[in-house]
Amino acid sequence: MDSHKRVVITRTPFRISFAGGGTDIPDYYRRFGTGAVLSGAMNRYMFVSAHQYFFRDKIRIHYARAENDVADVNEVQHPSIRECLKLTGIKNGIQISSVADIPSKGTGLGSSSSFAVGLLNALHVWKGESATGKQLAEEAIYIERTALKEAGGKQDQYVAAYGGLLLMEFKKDDTVAVRQVDISKGNLKDLERHLLLMYTGKERNSSDIHVKQAGEVGSHIQAYQKMAEIAYSHCDALENGRWDETGKFLHENWMLKKTLAGGISDPHIDSIYNTAMQNGAEGGKMIGAGGGGFMLFYADPDKHHKIIEALPQMRTEPFEFEEGGSSVIYSQGDPVTQ
């Protein structure tokens, strides 16, 4: 027997969305046309570790709470961990823990999907298996949307698994076309310098917003179609050196996104947005479903300080884009089979 206990640690990026978010929900793309989303991975991460447990017939889990010595995988309380263990066929002898770089609940950065992708990656490597980005994304979508029946779209899982700046197309037959945006490193750095990510301090339940949004898709078809068009137009601008049009695209997308369902915006969020625009922002949006969490603004770097001073209640989070998706950053011991 190997003297080293089996240990696997994965690192999976969070994401920021630019345009088209919402067109990746089945209620839209299965009925009204191809969805298109432009999103990018960022250098803020979810870390998941899987460690061989001393009690080989038990499971131990640590997240915001602890589940100690669970005897049956079906008794695991954390829904995503339970379903990931069941999908990969791991029944016992494992302890799982996670930690995130930034608040990872209700902040709009796709943290739940980053967790699912990172955990699945760790569990496959635990067993000695190699999973592709496509496999990790599709398995995470199965866990969240089918097994757990959580409302939402598909973009988060693909960005977490693939990394980079992606244009994703969501087809009527549920297939997804993913491609990296062809932008030079210099232009990407210029874009980074103009982006300002700010935390409202307000968390929200994205599933509640997604449920409302899904029920009202038919009343907002033109808005969804326009948002998908913006995703394509923004991608084209980035690939042709017109990254400085980002503010315009963010603003157009946000004005449409706000109309899709109640709860996406509110007077407080509108006030924050208007204050940023009055102090130099050229455009912006709530990240993710809306209702709270992080906001992204585009502005001349020389005006960032003015926006920050005008919004003292907001916390600024510097970031860079992340080229890679979920990765294994540590592994020791022999694969564990059951």
Protein backbone atom coordinates (compact mmCIF):
# COMPACT_ATOMS: atom_id res chain seq x y z
CA MET A 1 0.00 0.00 0.00
CA ASP A 2 1.25 3.49 -0.82
CA SER A 3 2.54 5.24 2.31
CA HIS A 4 1.00 8.53 1.20
CA LYS A 5 -2.71 9.04 1.65
CA ARG A 6 -4.56 10.07 -1.49
CA VAL A 7 -4.89 13.86 -1.72
CA VAL A 8 -6.18 15.92 -4.66
CA ILE A 9 -6.63 19.71 -4.71
CA THR A 10 -8.24 21.57 -7.61
CA ARG A 11 -8.40 25.27 -8.43
CA THR A 12 -11.37 26.52 -10.46
CA PRO A 13 -11.94 30.11 -11.61
CA PHE A 14 -14.98 32.26 -11.02
CA ARG A 15 -16.35 34.24 -13.95
CA ILE A 16 -17.55 37.65 -15.00
CA SER A 17 -20.25 37.96 -17.67
CA PHE A 18 -20.37 40.67 -20.30
CA ALA A 19 -23.35 40.13 -22.58
CA GLY A 20 -26.12 37.67 -23.39
CA GLY A 21 -26.59 36.27 -19.91
CA GLY A 22 -30.09 34.83 -19.68
CA THR A 23 -30.15 33.54 -23.25
CA ASP A 24 -28.46 30.40 -21.87
CA ILE A 25 -31.62 29.27 -20.06
CA PRO A 26 -33.59 26.43 -21.72
CA ASP A 27 -36.84 28.38 -21.59
CA TYR A 28 -35.32 30.73 -24.16
CA TYR A 29 -32.99 28.76 -26.45
CA ARG A 30 -35.21 25.66 -26.76
CA ARG A 31 -38.18 27.74 -27.89
CA PHE A 32 -37.08 31.01 -29.44
CA GLY A 33 -33.60 30.72 -30.93
CA THR A 34 -29.92 30.18 -30.27
CA GLY A 35 -28.65 31.81 -27.10
CA ALA A 36 -25.27 33.55 -27.08
CA VAL A 37 -23.22 34.61 -24.06
CA LEU A 38 -19.88 36.39 -23.76
CA SER A 39 -18.16 35.63 -20.45
CA GLY A 40 -14.66 35.36 -19.07
CA ALA A 41 -12.84 33.51 -16.31
CA MET A 42 -11.13 35.63 -13.66
CA ASN A 43 -8.20 35.03 -11.32
CA ARG A 44 -10.37 34.47 -8.27
CA TYR A 45 -10.86 30.82 -7.44
CA MET A 46 -12.69 28.03 -5.69
CA PHE A 47 -10.32 25.50 -4.13
CA VAL A 48 -11.61 21.98 -3.47
CA SER A 49 -9.63 19.27 -1.71
CA ALA A 50 -10.32 15.56 -1.51
CA HIS A 51 -8.34 13.68 1.13
CA GLN A 52 -8.32 10.00 2.05
CA TYR A 53 -10.22 9.61 5.31
CA PHE A 54 -8.94 7.62 8.29
CA PHE A 55 -12.31 5.90 8.68
CA ARG A 56 -12.52 4.17 5.32
CA ASP A 57 -16.26 3.42 5.65
CA LYS A 58 -17.23 7.03 6.35
CA ILE A 59 -17.43 10.41 4.61
CA ARG A 60 -16.34 13.71 6.15
CA ILE A 61 -17.19 17.10 4.65
CA HIS A 62 -16.20 20.66 5.58
CA TYR A 63 -17.73 23.78 4.01
CA ALA A 64 -19.66 26.52 5.86
CA ARG A 65 -20.60 23.70 8.22
CA ALA A 66 -19.21 20.24 8.94
CA GLU A 67 -20.68 16.82 8.23
CA ASN A 68 -18.71 14.27 10.23
CA ASP A 69 -18.63 10.50 9.78
CA VAL A 70 -21.53 10.18 7.35
CA ALA A 71 -22.12 6.46 6.84
CA ASP A 72 -24.04 6.55 3.55
CA VAL A 73 -23.51 8.85 0.55
CA ASN A 74 -27.28 9.31 0.32
CA GLU A 75 -27.21 10.89 3.79
CA VAL A 76 -24.83 13.69 2.75
CA GLN A 77 -26.66 16.97 3.36
CA HIS A 78 -24.75 19.18 0.91
CA PRO A 79 -26.77 18.64 -2.31
CA SER A 80 -23.99 19.21 -4.85
CA ILE A 81 -21.43 17.11 -2.97
CA ARG A 82 -23.92 14.28 -2.54
CA GLU A 83 -24.79 14.19 -6.23
CA CYS A 84 -21.16 14.53 -7.38
CA LEU A 85 -20.17 11.58 -5.19
CA LYS A 86 -23.05 9.52 -6.55
CA LEU A 87 -22.24 10.42 -10.17
CA THR A 88 -18.58 9.41 -9.78
CA GLY A 89 -19.41 6.29 -7.77
CA ILE A 90 -17.42 7.25 -4.66
CA LYS A 91 -19.17 5.84 -1.59
CA ASN A 92 -16.86 6.37 1.37
CA GLY A 93 -13.31 6.81 2.65
CA ILE A 94 -13.06 10.45 1.60
CA GLN A 95 -13.06 13.86 3.24
CA ILE A 96 -13.89 16.93 1.18
CA SER A 97 -13.34 20.59 1.95
CA SER A 98 -13.54 23.86 0.04
CA VAL A 99 -12.42 27.46 0.36
CA ALA A 100 -12.99 30.46 -1.92
CA ASP A 101 -10.97 33.62 -2.59
CA ILE A 102 -14.02 35.88 -2.25
CA PRO A 103 -17.57 35.52 -0.90
CA SER A 104 -18.99 32.57 -2.77
CA LYS A 105 -22.70 32.71 -2.07
CA GLY A 106 -25.12 34.92 -3.92
CA THR A 107 -22.45 37.20 -5.38
CA GLY A 108 -23.07 36.59 -9.11
CA LEU A 109 -19.67 35.15 -9.99
CA GLY A 110 -20.84 31.61 -10.74
CA SER A 111 -19.41 30.16 -7.53
CA SER A 112 -21.79 27.22 -7.20
CA SER A 113 -20.89 26.00 -10.68
CA SER A 114 -17.17 26.58 -10.05
CA PHE A 115 -17.55 24.43 -6.95
CA ALA A 116 -19.33 21.65 -8.84
CA VAL A 117 -16.78 21.66 -11.67
CA GLY A 118 -13.86 21.76 -9.24
CA LEU A 119 -15.27 18.95 -7.11
CA LEU A 120 -15.99 16.74 -10.13
CA ASN A 121 -12.45 17.36 -11.38
CA ALA A 122 -11.02 16.35 -7.99
CA LEU A 123 -13.18 13.22 -7.77
CA HIS A 124 -12.25 12.02 -11.24
CA VAL A 125 -8.54 12.50 -10.53
CA TRP A 126 -9.07 10.79 -7.14
CA LYS A 127 -10.10 7.69 -9.09
CA GLY A 128 -7.27 8.01 -11.62
CA GLU A 129 -9.53 9.34 -14.37
CA SER A 130 -8.93 12.28 -16.69
CA ALA A 131 -11.97 14.40 -17.55
CA THR A 132 -12.07 16.95 -20.38
CA GLY A 133 -13.40 20.47 -19.93
CA LYS A 134 -16.47 19.51 -21.95
CA GLN A 135 -17.13 16.50 -19.70
CA LEU A 136 -16.74 18.52 -16.51
CA ALA A 137 -19.07 21.24 -17.77
CA GLU A 138 -21.75 18.80 -18.91
CA GLU A 139 -21.58 16.76 -15.70
CA ALA A 140 -21.87 19.92 -13.59
CA ILE A 141 -24.88 21.00 -15.65
CA TYR A 142 -26.44 17.58 -15.09
CA ILE A 143 -25.85 17.86 -11.33
CA GLU A 144 -27.25 21.37 -10.98
CA ARG A 145 -30.02 21.46 -13.56
CA THR A 146 -31.22 17.81 -13.73
CA ALA A 147 -30.33 16.02 -10.50
CA LEU A 148 -30.94 19.01 -8.20
CA LYS A 149 -33.45 20.78 -10.47
CA GLU A 150 -31.90 24.18 -9.73
CA ALA A 151 -33.05 26.94 -12.04
CA GLY A 152 -30.44 28.68 -14.17
CA GLY A 153 -28.43 28.62 -17.35
CA LYS A 154 -25.33 26.89 -18.67
CA GLN A 155 -22.65 29.53 -19.10
CA ASP A 156 -21.09 29.26 -15.62
CA GLN A 157 -20.14 25.62 -15.91
CA TYR A 158 -18.39 26.07 -19.27
CA VAL A 159 -16.39 29.10 -18.17
CA ALA A 160 -15.32 27.29 -14.99
CA ALA A 161 -14.25 24.21 -16.94
CA TYR A 162 -12.63 25.90 -19.98
CA GLY A 163 -11.32 29.22 -18.65
CA GLY A 164 -10.43 32.12 -20.93
CA LEU A 165 -12.75 34.62 -22.57
CA LEU A 166 -15.52 32.64 -24.24
CA LEU A 167 -18.32 33.11 -26.71
CA MET A 168 -20.83 30.34 -26.05
CA GLU A 169 -23.79 29.43 -28.26
CA PHE A 170 -26.70 27.47 -26.80
CA LYS A 171 -28.63 25.50 -29.42
CA LYS A 172 -32.21 24.27 -29.51
CA ASP A 173 -31.06 20.64 -29.25
CA ASP A 174 -29.18 21.46 -26.01
CA THR A 175 -25.75 21.30 -27.65
CA VAL A 176 -23.30 24.07 -26.83
CA ALA A 177 -20.67 25.57 -29.14
CA VAL A 178 -17.74 27.08 -27.23
CA ARG A 179 -14.90 29.13 -28.65
CA GLN A 180 -12.15 31.28 -27.18
CA VAL A 181 -12.40 34.93 -28.20
CA ASP A 182 -9.42 35.78 -30.41
CA ILE A 183 -8.14 38.91 -28.65
CA SER A 184 -4.49 39.88 -28.36
CA LYS A 185 -2.88 39.85 -24.92
CA GLY A 186 -2.18 43.56 -25.22
CA ASN A 187 -5.81 44.40 -25.93
CA LEU A 188 -6.95 42.08 -23.15
CA LYS A 189 -4.70 43.93 -20.70
CA ASP A 190 -6.07 47.25 -21.93
CA LEU A 191 -9.60 45.96 -21.37
CA GLU A 192 -8.67 44.78 -17.85
CA ARG A 193 -7.35 48.22 -16.94
CA HIS A 194 -10.68 49.81 -17.86
CA LEU A 195 -12.84 47.39 -15.85
CA LEU A 196 -13.89 48.06 -12.28
CA LEU A 197 -15.42 45.25 -10.23
CA MET A 198 -17.31 46.38 -7.14
CA TYR A 199 -19.15 44.44 -4.42
CA THR A 200 -22.52 45.75 -3.29
CA GLY A 201 -22.38 43.78 -0.03
CA LYS A 202 -25.83 42.43 -0.81
CA GLU A 203 -26.24 38.70 -1.41
CA ARG A 204 -29.21 37.16 -3.18
CA ASN A 205 -30.63 33.80 -4.22
CA SER A 206 -30.07 33.56 -7.97
CA SER A 207 -32.46 30.60 -8.28
CA ASP A 208 -35.39 32.78 -7.20
CA ILE A 209 -34.56 35.30 -9.93
CA HIS A 210 -34.05 32.56 -12.54
CA VAL A 211 -37.46 31.05 -11.72
CA LYS A 212 -39.15 34.43 -12.22
CA GLN A 213 -37.20 35.04 -15.39
CA ALA A 214 -38.01 31.63 -16.88
CA GLY A 215 -41.72 32.20 -16.31
CA GLU A 216 -41.69 35.47 -18.25
CA VAL A 217 -39.47 34.63 -21.23
CA GLY A 218 -42.32 34.70 -23.71
CA SER A 219 -43.08 38.32 -22.83
CA HIS A 220 -39.53 39.50 -23.54
CA ILE A 221 -38.45 37.63 -26.68
CA GLN A 222 -37.12 40.71 -28.47
CA ALA A 223 -35.02 41.69 -25.46
CA TYR A 224 -33.44 38.22 -25.33
CA GLN A 225 -32.75 38.25 -29.05
CA LYS A 226 -31.14 41.68 -28.80
CA MET A 227 -28.97 40.53 -25.88
CA ALA A 228 -27.73 37.58 -27.93
CA GLU A 229 -26.94 40.00 -30.78
CA ILE A 230 -24.98 42.18 -28.35
CA ALA A 231 -22.90 39.17 -27.31
CA TYR A 232 -21.94 38.56 -30.97
CA SER A 233 -21.30 42.27 -31.61
CA HIS A 234 -19.17 42.64 -28.48
CA CYS A 235 -17.15 39.56 -29.42
CA ASP A 236 -16.59 40.96 -32.92
CA ALA A 237 -15.45 44.28 -31.45
CA LEU A 238 -12.96 42.56 -29.13
CA GLU A 239 -11.54 40.46 -31.95
CA ASN A 240 -11.11 43.49 -34.20
CA GLY A 241 -9.34 45.74 -31.73
CA ARG A 242 -12.41 47.72 -30.66
CA TRP A 243 -12.27 46.72 -27.00
CA ASP A 244 -12.98 50.37 -26.13
CA GLU A 245 -16.61 49.82 -27.18
CA THR A 246 -17.12 47.58 -24.13
CA GLY A 247 -18.83 50.29 -22.07
CA LYS A 248 -21.46 50.79 -24.74
CA PHE A 249 -22.19 47.07 -24.97
CA LEU A 250 -22.37 46.65 -21.20
CA HIS A 251 -24.85 49.52 -20.92
CA GLU A 252 -27.08 48.26 -23.75
CA ASN A 253 -27.11 44.75 -22.30
CA TRP A 254 -27.91 45.94 -18.77
CA MET A 255 -30.78 48.16 -19.90
CA LEU A 256 -32.34 45.10 -21.55
CA LYS A 257 -31.50 42.66 -18.75
CA LYS A 258 -33.29 44.82 -16.16
CA THR A 259 -36.59 44.39 -18.00
CA LEU A 260 -36.63 40.58 -18.00
CA ALA A 261 -38.02 39.98 -14.49
CA GLY A 262 -38.60 41.62 -11.14
CA GLY A 263 -35.68 41.43 -8.73
CA ILE A 264 -32.91 41.77 -11.33
CA SER A 265 -32.58 45.41 -10.36
CA ASP A 266 -34.12 47.65 -7.71
CA PRO A 267 -33.92 51.34 -6.68
CA HIS A 268 -30.73 50.74 -4.67
CA ILE A 269 -28.96 49.03 -7.58
CA ASP A 270 -30.23 51.69 -10.00
CA SER A 271 -28.84 54.38 -7.71
CA ILE A 272 -25.41 52.71 -7.64
CA TYR A 273 -25.41 52.38 -11.41
CA ASN A 274 -26.48 55.98 -12.00
CA THR A 275 -23.85 57.28 -9.56
CA ALA A 276 -21.11 55.35 -11.39
CA MET A 277 -22.30 56.69 -14.75
CA GLN A 278 -22.38 60.26 -13.43
CA ASN A 279 -18.79 59.90 -12.26
CA GLY A 280 -17.18 58.60 -15.42
CA ALA A 281 -18.41 55.08 -16.13
CA GLU A 282 -19.32 54.47 -19.78
CA GLY A 283 -21.41 51.40 -18.97
CA GLY A 284 -21.81 48.56 -16.54
CA LYS A 285 -24.03 45.77 -15.26
CA MET A 286 -24.83 43.48 -12.39
CA ILE A 287 -22.81 40.29 -12.68
CA GLY A 288 -24.90 37.12 -12.90
CA ALA A 289 -28.64 36.96 -12.33
CA GLY A 290 -28.84 40.38 -10.68
CA GLY A 291 -30.41 41.48 -7.43
CA GLY A 292 -27.10 41.94 -5.62
CA GLY A 293 -23.54 40.70 -5.50
CA PHE A 294 -20.91 42.26 -7.77
CA MET A 295 -21.26 45.04 -10.34
CA LEU A 296 -18.90 45.56 -13.26
CA PHE A 297 -18.19 49.01 -14.73
CA TYR A 298 -16.16 50.16 -17.72
CA ALA A 299 -14.39 53.51 -17.40
CA ASP A 300 -11.17 55.29 -18.21
CA PRO A 301 -8.67 54.16 -15.53
CA ASP A 302 -8.10 57.82 -14.60
CA LYS A 303 -11.76 58.01 -13.56
CA HIS A 304 -11.81 54.87 -11.42
CA HIS A 305 -10.85 56.77 -8.28
CA LYS A 306 -13.75 59.20 -8.78
CA ILE A 307 -16.24 56.31 -9.11
CA ILE A 308 -14.80 54.59 -6.04
CA GLU A 309 -15.00 57.80 -3.98
CA ALA A 310 -18.61 58.34 -5.09
CA LEU A 311 -19.54 54.83 -3.91
CA PRO A 312 -17.86 54.51 -0.48
CA GLN A 313 -20.20 51.69 0.53
CA MET A 314 -18.84 49.48 -2.26
CA ARG A 315 -15.75 47.28 -2.01
CA THR A 316 -13.47 47.23 -5.07
CA GLU A 317 -11.98 43.89 -6.14
CA PRO A 318 -9.05 44.12 -8.60
CA PHE A 319 -8.82 41.15 -10.96
CA GLU A 320 -7.25 39.82 -14.12
CA PHE A 321 -8.59 37.40 -16.71
CA GLU A 322 -7.69 33.75 -16.26
CA GLU A 323 -6.63 31.74 -19.31
CA GLY A 324 -7.12 28.31 -17.74
CA GLY A 325 -10.14 26.45 -16.47
CA SER A 326 -10.38 24.02 -13.57
CA SER A 327 -6.97 22.50 -12.86
CA VAL A 328 -5.32 20.08 -10.46
CA ILE A 329 -2.76 22.00 -8.42
CA TYR A 330 -1.76 19.13 -6.10
CA SER A 331 -2.04 15.36 -6.22
CA GLN A 332 -0.33 12.59 -4.26
CA GLY A 333 -0.99 8.95 -3.47
CA ASP A 334 -2.40 6.21 -5.65
CA PRO A 335 -5.86 6.50 -7.26
CA VAL A 336 -8.65 5.10 -5.12
CA THR A 337 -11.10 2.62 -6.61
CA GLN A 338 -14.27 1.34 -5.01
